[in-house]
Amino acid sequence: MTNDDALQAPEWFTSSYSNDQGGQCVEAAHVRTGKTSEMWVRDSKNPNGGMFEFKSGPWMDFISSVASGGITDRLG
């Protein structure tokens, strides 16, 4: 494994929709995995509780669908 192939430590950032009143607490990290990249998403209130890992293509499809209104809040 070369340095280019090494997994880089994630730098987590908080969603712009998160707040200190408990609303929509989501963190994400762009992670380079070898020659590709992924988006990792986790619950900021439970950072050790697991995460979702998305390849860049499916992540961009998800973001496009949300932005176009294709995914809405089904819980409310």
PDB file of N, CA and C in Angstrom:
ATOM      1  N   MET A   1       0.854  -1.184   0.000  1.00  0.00           N
ATOM      2  CA  MET A   1       0.000   0.000   0.000  1.00  0.00           C
ATOM      3  C   MET A   1       0.891   1.235   0.000  1.00  0.00           C
ATOM      4  N   THR A   2       0.610   2.158  -0.899  1.00  0.00           N
ATOM      5  CA  THR A   2       1.369   3.403  -0.951  1.00  0.00           C
ATOM      6  C   THR A   2       0.673   4.451  -0.100  1.00  0.00           C
ATOM      7  N   ASN A   3       1.340   5.571   0.112  1.00  0.00           N
ATOM      8  CA  ASN A   3       0.712   6.663   0.853  1.00  0.00           C
ATOM      9  C   ASN A   3      -0.546   7.155   0.158  1.00  0.00           C
ATOM     10  N   ASP A   4      -0.582   7.096  -1.193  1.00  0.00           N
ATOM     11  CA  ASP A   4      -1.768   7.528  -1.925  1.00  0.00           C
ATOM     12  C   ASP A   4      -2.955   6.616  -1.670  1.00  0.00           C
ATOM     13  N   ASP A   5      -2.679   5.350  -1.298  1.00  0.00           N
ATOM     14  CA  ASP A   5      -3.750   4.390  -1.059  1.00  0.00           C
ATOM     15  C   ASP A   5      -4.219   4.370   0.388  1.00  0.00           C
ATOM     16  N   ALA A   6      -3.525   5.032   1.273  1.00  0.00           N
ATOM     17  CA  ALA A   6      -3.851   4.991   2.696  1.00  0.00           C
ATOM     18  C   ALA A   6      -5.152   5.738   2.985  1.00  0.00           C
ATOM     19  N   LEU A   7      -5.909   5.193   3.902  1.00  0.00           N
ATOM     20  CA  LEU A   7      -7.140   5.838   4.346  1.00  0.00           C
ATOM     21  C   LEU A   7      -6.782   7.083   5.139  1.00  0.00           C
ATOM     22  N   GLN A   8      -7.332   8.200   4.765  1.00  0.00           N
ATOM     23  CA  GLN A   8      -7.091   9.452   5.461  1.00  0.00           C
ATOM     24  C   GLN A   8      -8.078   9.589   6.617  1.00  0.00           C
ATOM     25  N   ALA A   9      -7.632  10.138   7.731  1.00  0.00           N
ATOM     26  CA  ALA A   9      -8.508  10.338   8.885  1.00  0.00           C
ATOM     27  C   ALA A   9      -9.632  11.303   8.514  1.00  0.00           C
ATOM     28  N   PRO A  10     -10.856  10.971   8.897  1.00  0.00           N
ATOM     29  CA  PRO A  10     -11.973  11.856   8.548  1.00  0.00           C
ATOM     30  C   PRO A  10     -11.929  13.168   9.324  1.00  0.00           C
ATOM     31  N   GLU A  11     -12.315  14.234   8.650  1.00  0.00           N
ATOM     32  CA  GLU A  11     -12.485  15.531   9.298  1.00  0.00           C
ATOM     33  C   GLU A  11     -13.981  15.810   9.288  1.00  0.00           C
ATOM     34  N   TRP A  12     -14.619  15.541  10.422  1.00  0.00           N
ATOM     35  CA  TRP A  12     -16.070  15.652  10.528  1.00  0.00           C
ATOM     36  C   TRP A  12     -16.503  17.108  10.580  1.00  0.00           C
ATOM     37  N   PHE A  13     -17.615  17.401   9.914  1.00  0.00           N
ATOM     38  CA  PHE A  13     -18.220  18.729  10.007  1.00  0.00           C
ATOM     39  C   PHE A  13     -19.706  18.546  10.266  1.00  0.00           C
ATOM     40  N   THR A  14     -20.296  19.540  10.898  1.00  0.00           N
ATOM     41  CA  THR A  14     -21.697  19.472  11.285  1.00  0.00           C
ATOM     42  C   THR A  14     -22.583  20.053  10.199  1.00  0.00           C
ATOM     43  N   SER A  15     -23.703  19.422   9.991  1.00  0.00           N
ATOM     44  CA  SER A  15     -24.667  19.910   9.020  1.00  0.00           C
ATOM     45  C   SER A  15     -25.104  21.328   9.361  1.00  0.00           C
ATOM     46  N   SER A  16     -25.375  22.112   8.340  1.00  0.00           N
ATOM     47  CA  SER A  16     -25.865  23.473   8.577  1.00  0.00           C
ATOM     48  C   SER A  16     -27.263  23.461   9.210  1.00  0.00           C
ATOM     49  N   TYR A  17     -27.938  22.322   9.200  1.00  0.00           N
ATOM     50  CA  TYR A  17     -29.257  22.208   9.816  1.00  0.00           C
ATOM     51  C   TYR A  17     -29.186  21.789  11.276  1.00  0.00           C
ATOM     52  N   SER A  18     -28.023  21.424  11.771  1.00  0.00           N
ATOM     53  CA  SER A  18     -27.861  21.044  13.172  1.00  0.00           C
ATOM     54  C   SER A  18     -27.838  22.286  14.037  1.00  0.00           C
ATOM     55  N   ASN A  19     -28.277  22.128  15.271  1.00  0.00           N
ATOM     56  CA  ASN A  19     -28.215  23.237  16.214  1.00  0.00           C
ATOM     57  C   ASN A  19     -28.028  22.687  17.624  1.00  0.00           C
ATOM     58  N   ASP A  20     -27.804  23.578  18.588  1.00  0.00           N
ATOM     59  CA  ASP A  20     -27.559  23.133  19.960  1.00  0.00           C
ATOM     60  C   ASP A  20     -28.839  22.840  20.726  1.00  0.00           C
ATOM     61  N   GLN A  21     -30.001  22.907  20.081  1.00  0.00           N
ATOM     62  CA  GLN A  21     -31.255  22.564  20.708  1.00  0.00           C
ATOM     63  C   GLN A  21     -31.714  21.147  20.348  1.00  0.00           C
ATOM     64  N   GLY A  22     -30.822  20.352  19.764  1.00  0.00           N
ATOM     65  CA  GLY A  22     -31.143  18.966  19.464  1.00  0.00           C
ATOM     66  C   GLY A  22     -31.752  18.734  18.099  1.00  0.00           C
ATOM     67  N   GLY A  23     -31.738  19.719  17.232  1.00  0.00           N
ATOM     68  CA  GLY A  23     -32.362  19.567  15.923  1.00  0.00           C
ATOM     69  C   GLY A  23     -31.449  18.987  14.869  1.00  0.00           C
ATOM     70  N   GLN A  24     -31.894  17.937  14.205  1.00  0.00           N
ATOM     71  CA  GLN A  24     -31.240  17.386  13.012  1.00  0.00           C
ATOM     72  C   GLN A  24     -29.733  17.259  13.148  1.00  0.00           C
ATOM     73  N   CYS A  25     -29.268  16.551  14.150  1.00  0.00           N
ATOM     74  CA  CYS A  25     -27.831  16.468  14.446  1.00  0.00           C
ATOM     75  C   CYS A  25     -27.135  15.461  13.544  1.00  0.00           C
ATOM     76  N   VAL A  26     -26.576  15.961  12.479  1.00  0.00           N
ATOM     77  CA  VAL A  26     -25.880  15.125  11.503  1.00  0.00           C
ATOM     78  C   VAL A  26     -24.483  15.686  11.282  1.00  0.00           C
ATOM     79  N   GLU A  27     -23.502  14.776  11.221  1.00  0.00           N
ATOM     80  CA  GLU A  27     -22.141  15.150  10.861  1.00  0.00           C
ATOM     81  C   GLU A  27     -21.759  14.383   9.605  1.00  0.00           C
ATOM     82  N   ALA A  28     -20.871  14.957   8.838  1.00  0.00           N
ATOM     83  CA  ALA A  28     -20.406  14.300   7.624  1.00  0.00           C
ATOM     84  C   ALA A  28     -18.907  14.520   7.486  1.00  0.00           C
ATOM     85  N   ALA A  29     -18.281  13.647   6.703  1.00  0.00           N
ATOM     86  CA  ALA A  29     -16.848  13.775   6.443  1.00  0.00           C
ATOM     87  C   ALA A  29     -16.566  13.301   5.026  1.00  0.00           C
ATOM     88  N   HIS A  30     -15.777  14.079   4.295  1.00  0.00           N
ATOM     89  CA  HIS A  30     -15.257  13.645   2.998  1.00  0.00           C
ATOM     90  C   HIS A  30     -14.016  12.823   3.311  1.00  0.00           C
ATOM     91  N   VAL A  31     -13.983  11.586   2.860  1.00  0.00           N
ATOM     92  CA  VAL A  31     -12.868  10.698   3.188  1.00  0.00           C
ATOM     93  C   VAL A  31     -12.265  10.148   1.907  1.00  0.00           C
ATOM     94  N   ARG A  32     -10.986  10.304   1.790  1.00  0.00           N
ATOM     95  CA  ARG A  32     -10.275   9.729   0.642  1.00  0.00           C
ATOM     96  C   ARG A  32      -9.929   8.289   0.980  1.00  0.00           C
ATOM     97  N   THR A  33     -10.343   7.374   0.134  1.00  0.00           N
ATOM     98  CA  THR A  33     -10.070   5.953   0.331  1.00  0.00           C
ATOM     99  C   THR A  33      -9.289   5.460  -0.882  1.00  0.00           C
ATOM    100  N   GLY A  34      -7.991   5.539  -0.792  1.00  0.00           N
ATOM    101  CA  GLY A  34      -7.162   5.184  -1.940  1.00  0.00           C
ATOM    102  C   GLY A  34      -7.282   6.261  -3.000  1.00  0.00           C
ATOM    103  N   LYS A  35      -7.654   5.871  -4.199  1.00  0.00           N
ATOM    104  CA  LYS A  35      -7.765   6.817  -5.309  1.00  0.00           C
ATOM    105  C   LYS A  35      -9.186   7.347  -5.474  1.00  0.00           C
ATOM    106  N   THR A  36     -10.101   6.926  -4.621  1.00  0.00           N
ATOM    107  CA  THR A  36     -11.480   7.395  -4.685  1.00  0.00           C
ATOM    108  C   THR A  36     -11.811   8.151  -3.403  1.00  0.00           C
ATOM    109  N   SER A  37     -13.008   8.680  -3.343  1.00  0.00           N
ATOM    110  CA  SER A  37     -13.437   9.353  -2.123  1.00  0.00           C
ATOM    111  C   SER A  37     -14.843   8.888  -1.768  1.00  0.00           C
ATOM    112  N   GLU A  38     -15.168   9.044  -0.507  1.00  0.00           N
ATOM    113  CA  GLU A  38     -16.469   8.673   0.013  1.00  0.00           C
ATOM    114  C   GLU A  38     -16.977   9.792   0.897  1.00  0.00           C
ATOM    115  N   MET A  39     -18.270   9.752   1.162  1.00  0.00           N
ATOM    116  CA  MET A  39     -18.885  10.645   2.134  1.00  0.00           C
ATOM    117  C   MET A  39     -19.382   9.769   3.268  1.00  0.00           C
ATOM    118  N   TRP A  40     -18.927  10.067   4.477  1.00  0.00           N
ATOM    119  CA  TRP A  40     -19.393   9.345   5.652  1.00  0.00           C
ATOM    120  C   TRP A  40     -20.359  10.248   6.406  1.00  0.00           C
ATOM    121  N   VAL A  41     -21.439   9.674   6.921  1.00  0.00           N
ATOM    122  CA  VAL A  41     -22.477  10.428   7.631  1.00  0.00           C
ATOM    123  C   VAL A  41     -22.778   9.704   8.942  1.00  0.00           C
ATOM    124  N   ARG A  42     -22.873  10.466  10.024  1.00  0.00           N
ATOM    125  CA  ARG A  42     -23.173   9.871  11.331  1.00  0.00           C
ATOM    126  C   ARG A  42     -24.032  10.816  12.169  1.00  0.00           C
ATOM    127  N   ASP A  43     -24.575  10.288  13.239  1.00  0.00           N
ATOM    128  CA  ASP A  43     -25.365  11.055  14.206  1.00  0.00           C
ATOM    129  C   ASP A  43     -24.397  11.752  15.152  1.00  0.00           C
ATOM    130  N   SER A  44     -24.419  13.070  15.196  1.00  0.00           N
ATOM    131  CA  SER A  44     -23.465  13.800  16.035  1.00  0.00           C
ATOM    132  C   SER A  44     -23.717  13.573  17.526  1.00  0.00           C
ATOM    133  N   LYS A  45     -24.927  13.157  17.903  1.00  0.00           N
ATOM    134  CA  LYS A  45     -25.214  12.874  19.304  1.00  0.00           C
ATOM    135  C   LYS A  45     -24.677  11.507  19.722  1.00  0.00           C
ATOM    136  N   ASN A  46     -24.345  10.658  18.737  1.00  0.00           N
ATOM    137  CA  ASN A  46     -23.840   9.318  19.016  1.00  0.00           C
ATOM    138  C   ASN A  46     -22.731   8.989  18.007  1.00  0.00           C
ATOM    139  N   PRO A  47     -21.597   9.689  18.069  1.00  0.00           N
ATOM    140  CA  PRO A  47     -20.556   9.532  17.050  1.00  0.00           C
ATOM    141  C   PRO A  47     -19.929   8.140  16.984  1.00  0.00           C
ATOM    142  N   ASN A  48     -20.048   7.352  18.043  1.00  0.00           N
ATOM    143  CA  ASN A  48     -19.497   5.999  18.029  1.00  0.00           C
ATOM    144  C   ASN A  48     -20.545   4.944  17.684  1.00  0.00           C
ATOM    145  N   GLY A  49     -21.743   5.389  17.349  1.00  0.00           N
ATOM    146  CA  GLY A  49     -22.846   4.466  17.106  1.00  0.00           C
ATOM    147  C   GLY A  49     -22.941   3.945  15.691  1.00  0.00           C
ATOM    148  N   GLY A  50     -21.967   4.220  14.862  1.00  0.00           N
ATOM    149  CA  GLY A  50     -22.006   3.756  13.483  1.00  0.00           C
ATOM    150  C   GLY A  50     -22.194   4.913  12.518  1.00  0.00           C
ATOM    151  N   MET A  51     -22.062   4.591  11.240  1.00  0.00           N
ATOM    152  CA  MET A  51     -22.181   5.631  10.220  1.00  0.00           C
ATOM    153  C   MET A  51     -22.575   4.993   8.900  1.00  0.00           C
ATOM    154  N   PHE A  52     -23.007   5.830   7.997  1.00  0.00           N
ATOM    155  CA  PHE A  52     -23.278   5.419   6.628  1.00  0.00           C
ATOM    156  C   PHE A  52     -22.084   5.829   5.777  1.00  0.00           C
ATOM    157  N   GLU A  53     -21.702   4.966   4.855  1.00  0.00           N
ATOM    158  CA  GLU A  53     -20.605   5.271   3.935  1.00  0.00           C
ATOM    159  C   GLU A  53     -21.152   5.266   2.512  1.00  0.00           C
ATOM    160  N   PHE A  54     -20.967   6.375   1.795  1.00  0.00           N
ATOM    161  CA  PHE A  54     -21.455   6.508   0.433  1.00  0.00           C
ATOM    162  C   PHE A  54     -20.296   6.727  -0.523  1.00  0.00           C
ATOM    163  N   LYS A  55     -20.272   6.013  -1.622  1.00  0.00           N
ATOM    164  CA  LYS A  55     -19.332   6.314  -2.709  1.00  0.00           C
ATOM    165  C   LYS A  55     -19.764   7.651  -3.290  1.00  0.00           C
ATOM    166  N   SER A  56     -18.865   8.345  -3.970  1.00  0.00           N
ATOM    167  CA  SER A  56     -19.166   9.706  -4.433  1.00  0.00           C
ATOM    168  C   SER A  56     -20.343   9.748  -5.418  1.00  0.00           C
ATOM    169  N   GLY A  57     -20.470   8.792  -6.316  1.00  0.00           N
ATOM    170  CA  GLY A  57     -21.575   8.802  -7.280  1.00  0.00           C
ATOM    171  C   GLY A  57     -22.941   8.697  -6.624  1.00  0.00           C
ATOM    172  N   PRO A  58     -23.182   7.664  -5.802  1.00  0.00           N
ATOM    173  CA  PRO A  58     -24.472   7.568  -5.111  1.00  0.00           C
ATOM    174  C   PRO A  58     -24.743   8.748  -4.178  1.00  0.00           C
ATOM    175  N   TRP A  59     -23.692   9.279  -3.540  1.00  0.00           N
ATOM    176  CA  TRP A  59     -23.893  10.445  -2.666  1.00  0.00           C
ATOM    177  C   TRP A  59     -24.394  11.642  -3.479  1.00  0.00           C
ATOM    178  N   MET A  60     -23.775  11.890  -4.633  1.00  0.00           N
ATOM    179  CA  MET A  60     -24.206  13.011  -5.468  1.00  0.00           C
ATOM    180  C   MET A  60     -25.628  12.789  -5.988  1.00  0.00           C
ATOM    181  N   ASP A  61     -25.989  11.545  -6.305  1.00  0.00           N
ATOM    182  CA  ASP A  61     -27.367  11.242  -6.708  1.00  0.00           C
ATOM    183  C   ASP A  61     -28.340  11.564  -5.581  1.00  0.00           C
ATOM    184  N   PHE A  62     -27.980  11.197  -4.358  1.00  0.00           N
ATOM    185  CA  PHE A  62     -28.816  11.482  -3.192  1.00  0.00           C
ATOM    186  C   PHE A  62     -28.995  12.987  -2.998  1.00  0.00           C
ATOM    187  N   ILE A  63     -27.887  13.728  -3.038  1.00  0.00           N
ATOM    188  CA  ILE A  63     -27.948  15.183  -2.860  1.00  0.00           C
ATOM    189  C   ILE A  63     -28.801  15.829  -3.950  1.00  0.00           C
ATOM    190  N   SER A  64     -28.635  15.388  -5.194  1.00  0.00           N
ATOM    191  CA  SER A  64     -29.435  15.935  -6.299  1.00  0.00           C
ATOM    192  C   SER A  64     -30.916  15.669  -6.086  1.00  0.00           C
ATOM    193  N   SER A  65     -31.240  14.465  -5.611  1.00  0.00           N
ATOM    194  CA  SER A  65     -32.641  14.119  -5.377  1.00  0.00           C
ATOM    195  C   SER A  65     -33.245  14.962  -4.259  1.00  0.00           C
ATOM    196  N   VAL A  66     -32.498  15.158  -3.183  1.00  0.00           N
ATOM    197  CA  VAL A  66     -32.976  16.015  -2.088  1.00  0.00           C
ATOM    198  C   VAL A  66     -33.178  17.440  -2.585  1.00  0.00           C
ATOM    199  N   ALA A  67     -32.200  17.970  -3.307  1.00  0.00           N
ATOM    200  CA  ALA A  67     -32.256  19.354  -3.788  1.00  0.00           C
ATOM    201  C   ALA A  67     -33.425  19.590  -4.741  1.00  0.00           C
ATOM    202  N   SER A  68     -33.793  18.552  -5.503  1.00  0.00           N
ATOM    203  CA  SER A  68     -34.875  18.714  -6.480  1.00  0.00           C
ATOM    204  C   SER A  68     -36.253  18.416  -5.882  1.00  0.00           C
ATOM    205  N   GLY A  69     -36.286  18.068  -4.583  1.00  0.00           N
ATOM    206  CA  GLY A  69     -37.563  17.788  -3.930  1.00  0.00           C
ATOM    207  C   GLY A  69     -37.998  16.335  -4.078  1.00  0.00           C
ATOM    208  N   GLY A  70     -37.118  15.505  -4.603  1.00  0.00           N
ATOM    209  CA  GLY A  70     -37.459  14.099  -4.802  1.00  0.00           C
ATOM    210  C   GLY A  70     -37.528  13.304  -3.502  1.00  0.00           C
ATOM    211  N   ILE A  71     -36.918  13.809  -2.439  1.00  0.00           N
ATOM    212  CA  ILE A  71     -36.973  13.182  -1.134  1.00  0.00           C
ATOM    213  C   ILE A  71     -37.511  14.208  -0.154  1.00  0.00           C
ATOM    214  N   THR A  72     -38.568  13.854   0.527  1.00  0.00           N
ATOM    215  CA  THR A  72     -39.181  14.778   1.479  1.00  0.00           C
ATOM    216  C   THR A  72     -39.247  14.117   2.844  1.00  0.00           C
ATOM    217  N   ASP A  73     -39.599  14.890   3.844  1.00  0.00           N
ATOM    218  CA  ASP A  73     -39.736  14.387   5.211  1.00  0.00           C
ATOM    219  C   ASP A  73     -40.959  13.487   5.286  1.00  0.00           C
ATOM    220  N   ARG A  74     -40.743  12.200   5.417  1.00  0.00           N
ATOM    221  CA  ARG A  74     -41.846  11.243   5.477  1.00  0.00           C
ATOM    222  C   ARG A  74     -42.264  10.948   6.913  1.00  0.00           C
ATOM    223  N   LEU A  75     -41.576  11.521   7.869  1.00  0.00           N
ATOM    224  CA  LEU A  75     -41.907  11.260   9.272  1.00  0.00           C
ATOM    225  C   LEU A  75     -42.869  12.294   9.829  1.00  0.00           C
ATOM    226  N   GLY A  76     -42.898  13.466   9.250  1.00  0.00           N
ATOM    227  CA  GLY A  76     -43.709  14.547   9.799  1.00  0.00           C
ATOM    228  C   GLY A  76     -45.006  14.609   9.159  1.00  0.00           C
TER     229      GLY A  76
END
